[in-house]
């Protein structure tokens, strides 16, 4: 017979899950599955039409310090990822 234990937890630190006081003994085989629940987004969401009508699209078009926007966005993401570690 297989026992199933359901545990719900809130992640305290990025990339870490800690389990303790489980009813298992050394040498026993276990199988873990993790179901990730999306974090709710605060505030209103824009529809596609609202987004197109907003000032968000094209807001950087006149910036002279940004050459290739795709490269610039990739560099921003890479810097943000390094900062989170």
N, C-alpha and C. Protein backbone atom coordinates (compact mmCIF):
# COMPACT_ATOMS: atom_id res chain seq x y z
N UNK A 1 0.84 -1.18 0.00
CA UNK A 1 0.00 0.00 0.00
C UNK A 1 0.89 1.25 0.00
N UNK A 2 0.52 2.24 -0.79
CA UNK A 2 1.27 3.48 -0.89
C UNK A 2 0.58 4.55 -0.07
N UNK A 3 1.32 5.17 0.83
CA UNK A 3 0.80 6.30 1.59
C UNK A 3 1.10 7.58 0.83
N UNK A 4 0.14 8.48 0.78
CA UNK A 4 0.34 9.77 0.13
C UNK A 4 0.19 10.86 1.18
N UNK A 5 1.18 11.74 1.24
CA UNK A 5 1.16 12.87 2.17
C UNK A 5 1.09 14.14 1.33
N UNK A 6 0.13 14.99 1.62
CA UNK A 6 0.00 16.27 0.93
C UNK A 6 0.46 17.37 1.88
N UNK A 7 1.40 18.17 1.40
CA UNK A 7 1.92 19.28 2.19
C UNK A 7 1.81 20.55 1.36
N UNK A 8 1.26 21.60 1.93
CA UNK A 8 1.24 22.89 1.28
C UNK A 8 2.19 23.80 2.04
N UNK A 9 2.99 24.55 1.29
CA UNK A 9 3.96 25.43 1.93
C UNK A 9 4.13 26.70 1.12
N UNK A 10 4.57 27.75 1.78
CA UNK A 10 4.92 28.99 1.11
C UNK A 10 6.43 29.05 1.03
N UNK A 11 6.97 29.34 -0.15
CA UNK A 11 8.41 29.38 -0.34
C UNK A 11 8.99 30.59 0.38
N UNK A 12 9.96 30.35 1.23
CA UNK A 12 10.61 31.41 2.00
C UNK A 12 11.78 32.02 1.24
N UNK A 13 12.53 31.18 0.52
CA UNK A 13 13.69 31.64 -0.25
C UNK A 13 13.58 31.06 -1.65
N UNK A 14 13.94 31.88 -2.65
CA UNK A 14 13.86 31.45 -4.05
C UNK A 14 14.59 30.12 -4.25
N UNK A 15 13.93 29.20 -4.91
CA UNK A 15 14.57 27.95 -5.29
C UNK A 15 14.75 26.93 -4.18
N UNK A 16 14.15 27.15 -3.00
CA UNK A 16 14.36 26.22 -1.88
C UNK A 16 13.04 25.73 -1.31
N UNK A 17 13.01 24.43 -1.04
CA UNK A 17 11.90 23.81 -0.33
C UNK A 17 12.52 22.94 0.76
N UNK A 18 12.05 23.10 1.98
CA UNK A 18 12.58 22.32 3.09
C UNK A 18 11.46 21.46 3.69
N UNK A 19 11.71 20.18 3.80
CA UNK A 19 10.76 19.25 4.41
C UNK A 19 11.42 18.60 5.61
N UNK A 20 10.67 18.46 6.67
CA UNK A 20 11.22 17.79 7.85
C UNK A 20 10.07 17.12 8.61
N UNK A 21 10.44 16.27 9.55
CA UNK A 21 9.48 15.54 10.38
C UNK A 21 8.52 14.69 9.55
N UNK A 22 9.04 14.12 8.47
CA UNK A 22 8.23 13.23 7.65
C UNK A 22 8.26 11.82 8.22
N UNK A 23 7.18 11.06 8.07
CA UNK A 23 7.14 9.69 8.60
C UNK A 23 7.85 8.69 7.68
N UNK A 24 9.12 8.93 7.43
CA UNK A 24 9.91 8.04 6.59
C UNK A 24 11.19 7.66 7.31
N UNK A 25 11.74 6.53 6.92
CA UNK A 25 12.98 6.05 7.54
C UNK A 25 14.07 5.95 6.48
N UNK A 26 15.29 5.99 6.93
CA UNK A 26 16.44 5.88 6.04
C UNK A 26 16.30 4.63 5.19
N UNK A 27 16.57 4.78 3.89
CA UNK A 27 16.50 3.66 2.96
C UNK A 27 15.17 3.53 2.24
N UNK A 28 14.14 4.18 2.75
CA UNK A 28 12.85 4.12 2.07
C UNK A 28 12.91 4.96 0.81
N UNK A 29 12.22 4.52 -0.23
CA UNK A 29 12.13 5.25 -1.47
C UNK A 29 10.92 6.18 -1.40
N UNK A 30 11.08 7.42 -1.86
CA UNK A 30 9.98 8.37 -1.92
C UNK A 30 9.94 9.00 -3.30
N UNK A 31 8.80 9.47 -3.70
CA UNK A 31 8.63 10.20 -4.95
C UNK A 31 8.00 11.54 -4.61
N UNK A 32 8.63 12.61 -5.05
CA UNK A 32 8.13 13.95 -4.76
C UNK A 32 7.62 14.60 -6.03
N UNK A 33 6.49 15.26 -5.93
CA UNK A 33 5.94 16.06 -7.02
C UNK A 33 5.66 17.44 -6.45
N UNK A 34 5.96 18.46 -7.24
CA UNK A 34 5.73 19.83 -6.79
C UNK A 34 4.76 20.50 -7.75
N UNK A 35 3.68 21.02 -7.22
CA UNK A 35 2.71 21.77 -8.02
C UNK A 35 2.87 23.24 -7.64
N UNK A 36 3.20 24.06 -8.62
CA UNK A 36 3.45 25.47 -8.36
C UNK A 36 2.18 26.26 -8.67
N UNK A 37 1.72 27.01 -7.68
CA UNK A 37 0.54 27.85 -7.83
C UNK A 37 1.00 29.25 -8.23
N UNK A 38 0.45 29.82 -9.28
CA UNK A 38 0.87 31.15 -9.70
C UNK A 38 0.61 32.20 -8.61
N UNK A 39 1.50 33.17 -8.53
CA UNK A 39 1.33 34.26 -7.60
C UNK A 39 0.32 35.23 -8.21
N UNK A 40 -0.73 35.60 -7.45
CA UNK A 40 -1.71 36.52 -8.02
C UNK A 40 -1.09 37.88 -8.35
N UNK A 41 -1.53 38.46 -9.44
CA UNK A 41 -1.03 39.76 -9.87
C UNK A 41 -1.91 40.84 -9.24
N UNK A 42 -1.28 41.79 -8.57
CA UNK A 42 -2.02 42.89 -7.97
C UNK A 42 -2.35 43.93 -9.02
N UNK A 43 -3.48 44.53 -8.90
CA UNK A 43 -3.84 45.62 -9.79
C UNK A 43 -4.57 45.15 -11.02
N UNK A 44 -5.11 46.08 -11.75
CA UNK A 44 -5.88 45.72 -12.94
C UNK A 44 -4.98 45.27 -14.09
N UNK A 45 -5.49 44.39 -14.91
CA UNK A 45 -4.76 43.95 -16.10
C UNK A 45 -5.32 44.70 -17.31
N UNK A 46 -4.43 45.02 -18.22
CA UNK A 46 -4.86 45.73 -19.43
C UNK A 46 -5.27 44.74 -20.50
N UNK A 47 -6.31 45.08 -21.22
CA UNK A 47 -6.66 44.30 -22.40
C UNK A 47 -5.67 44.68 -23.51
N UNK A 48 -5.66 43.91 -24.60
CA UNK A 48 -4.76 44.22 -25.71
C UNK A 48 -5.07 45.59 -26.28
N UNK A 49 -6.34 45.93 -26.37
CA UNK A 49 -6.73 47.23 -26.91
C UNK A 49 -6.26 48.36 -25.97
N UNK A 50 -6.40 48.16 -24.67
CA UNK A 50 -5.94 49.17 -23.70
C UNK A 50 -4.42 49.32 -23.75
N UNK A 51 -3.72 48.21 -23.91
CA UNK A 51 -2.27 48.26 -23.99
C UNK A 51 -1.82 49.03 -25.23
N UNK A 52 -2.45 48.77 -26.36
CA UNK A 52 -2.12 49.48 -27.59
C UNK A 52 -2.38 50.98 -27.46
N UNK A 53 -3.42 51.35 -26.72
CA UNK A 53 -3.78 52.76 -26.55
C UNK A 53 -2.94 53.45 -25.47
N UNK A 54 -2.20 52.68 -24.68
CA UNK A 54 -1.43 53.25 -23.58
C UNK A 54 -0.11 53.84 -24.10
N UNK A 55 0.60 54.51 -23.22
CA UNK A 55 1.91 55.08 -23.56
C UNK A 55 3.05 54.06 -23.41
N UNK A 56 2.72 52.83 -23.03
CA UNK A 56 3.76 51.83 -22.80
C UNK A 56 4.46 51.41 -24.09
N UNK A 57 3.68 51.17 -25.13
CA UNK A 57 4.28 50.75 -26.40
C UNK A 57 4.96 51.94 -27.07
N UNK A 58 6.22 51.77 -27.39
CA UNK A 58 6.97 52.83 -28.07
C UNK A 58 7.56 53.86 -27.13
N UNK A 59 7.48 53.61 -25.83
CA UNK A 59 7.97 54.62 -24.88
C UNK A 59 9.48 54.85 -24.97
N UNK A 60 10.24 53.90 -25.53
CA UNK A 60 11.69 54.05 -25.62
C UNK A 60 12.13 54.38 -27.05
N UNK A 61 11.22 54.63 -27.95
CA UNK A 61 11.58 54.79 -29.36
C UNK A 61 12.51 55.96 -29.63
N UNK A 62 12.47 57.00 -28.83
CA UNK A 62 13.31 58.17 -29.07
C UNK A 62 14.60 58.17 -28.26
N UNK A 63 14.87 57.10 -27.54
CA UNK A 63 16.10 57.05 -26.73
C UNK A 63 17.29 56.75 -27.62
N UNK A 64 18.29 57.61 -27.55
CA UNK A 64 19.48 57.45 -28.38
C UNK A 64 20.49 56.47 -27.78
N UNK A 65 20.36 56.18 -26.46
CA UNK A 65 21.31 55.29 -25.81
C UNK A 65 20.96 53.81 -26.02
N UNK A 66 19.84 53.52 -26.66
CA UNK A 66 19.43 52.15 -26.94
C UNK A 66 19.54 51.93 -28.44
N UNK A 67 20.51 51.09 -28.83
CA UNK A 67 20.67 50.80 -30.25
C UNK A 67 19.66 49.76 -30.68
N UNK A 68 20.00 48.51 -30.51
CA UNK A 68 19.14 47.39 -30.86
C UNK A 68 18.27 47.06 -29.64
N UNK A 69 16.97 47.26 -29.75
CA UNK A 69 16.09 47.09 -28.59
C UNK A 69 16.05 45.64 -28.11
N UNK A 70 16.16 44.68 -29.00
CA UNK A 70 16.14 43.27 -28.60
C UNK A 70 17.38 42.95 -27.77
N UNK A 71 18.54 43.40 -28.22
CA UNK A 71 19.78 43.18 -27.47
C UNK A 71 19.72 43.88 -26.12
N UNK A 72 19.21 45.11 -26.12
CA UNK A 72 19.11 45.88 -24.88
C UNK A 72 18.20 45.16 -23.87
N UNK A 73 17.05 44.67 -24.32
CA UNK A 73 16.12 43.96 -23.44
C UNK A 73 16.76 42.69 -22.90
N UNK A 74 17.50 41.96 -23.75
CA UNK A 74 18.17 40.74 -23.32
C UNK A 74 19.20 41.05 -22.24
N UNK A 75 19.95 42.13 -22.42
CA UNK A 75 20.95 42.53 -21.42
C UNK A 75 20.29 42.90 -20.10
N UNK A 76 19.15 43.59 -20.14
CA UNK A 76 18.43 43.93 -18.91
C UNK A 76 17.98 42.67 -18.18
N UNK A 77 17.44 41.70 -18.92
CA UNK A 77 17.01 40.44 -18.29
C UNK A 77 18.18 39.70 -17.67
N UNK A 78 19.30 39.64 -18.38
CA UNK A 78 20.48 38.95 -17.85
C UNK A 78 20.98 39.61 -16.58
N UNK A 79 21.02 40.95 -16.56
CA UNK A 79 21.44 41.67 -15.35
C UNK A 79 20.49 41.40 -14.19
N UNK A 80 19.20 41.38 -14.46
CA UNK A 80 18.20 41.11 -13.41
C UNK A 80 18.36 39.70 -12.86
N UNK A 81 18.63 38.72 -13.73
CA UNK A 81 18.82 37.35 -13.28
C UNK A 81 20.05 37.21 -12.40
N UNK A 82 21.12 37.89 -12.76
CA UNK A 82 22.35 37.84 -11.94
C UNK A 82 22.12 38.48 -10.59
N UNK A 83 21.31 39.52 -10.53
CA UNK A 83 21.03 40.23 -9.29
C UNK A 83 20.25 39.38 -8.32
N UNK A 84 19.35 38.51 -8.81
CA UNK A 84 18.48 37.71 -7.95
C UNK A 84 19.21 36.57 -7.27
N UNK A 85 20.35 36.16 -7.78
CA UNK A 85 21.05 34.99 -7.24
C UNK A 85 21.75 35.28 -5.97
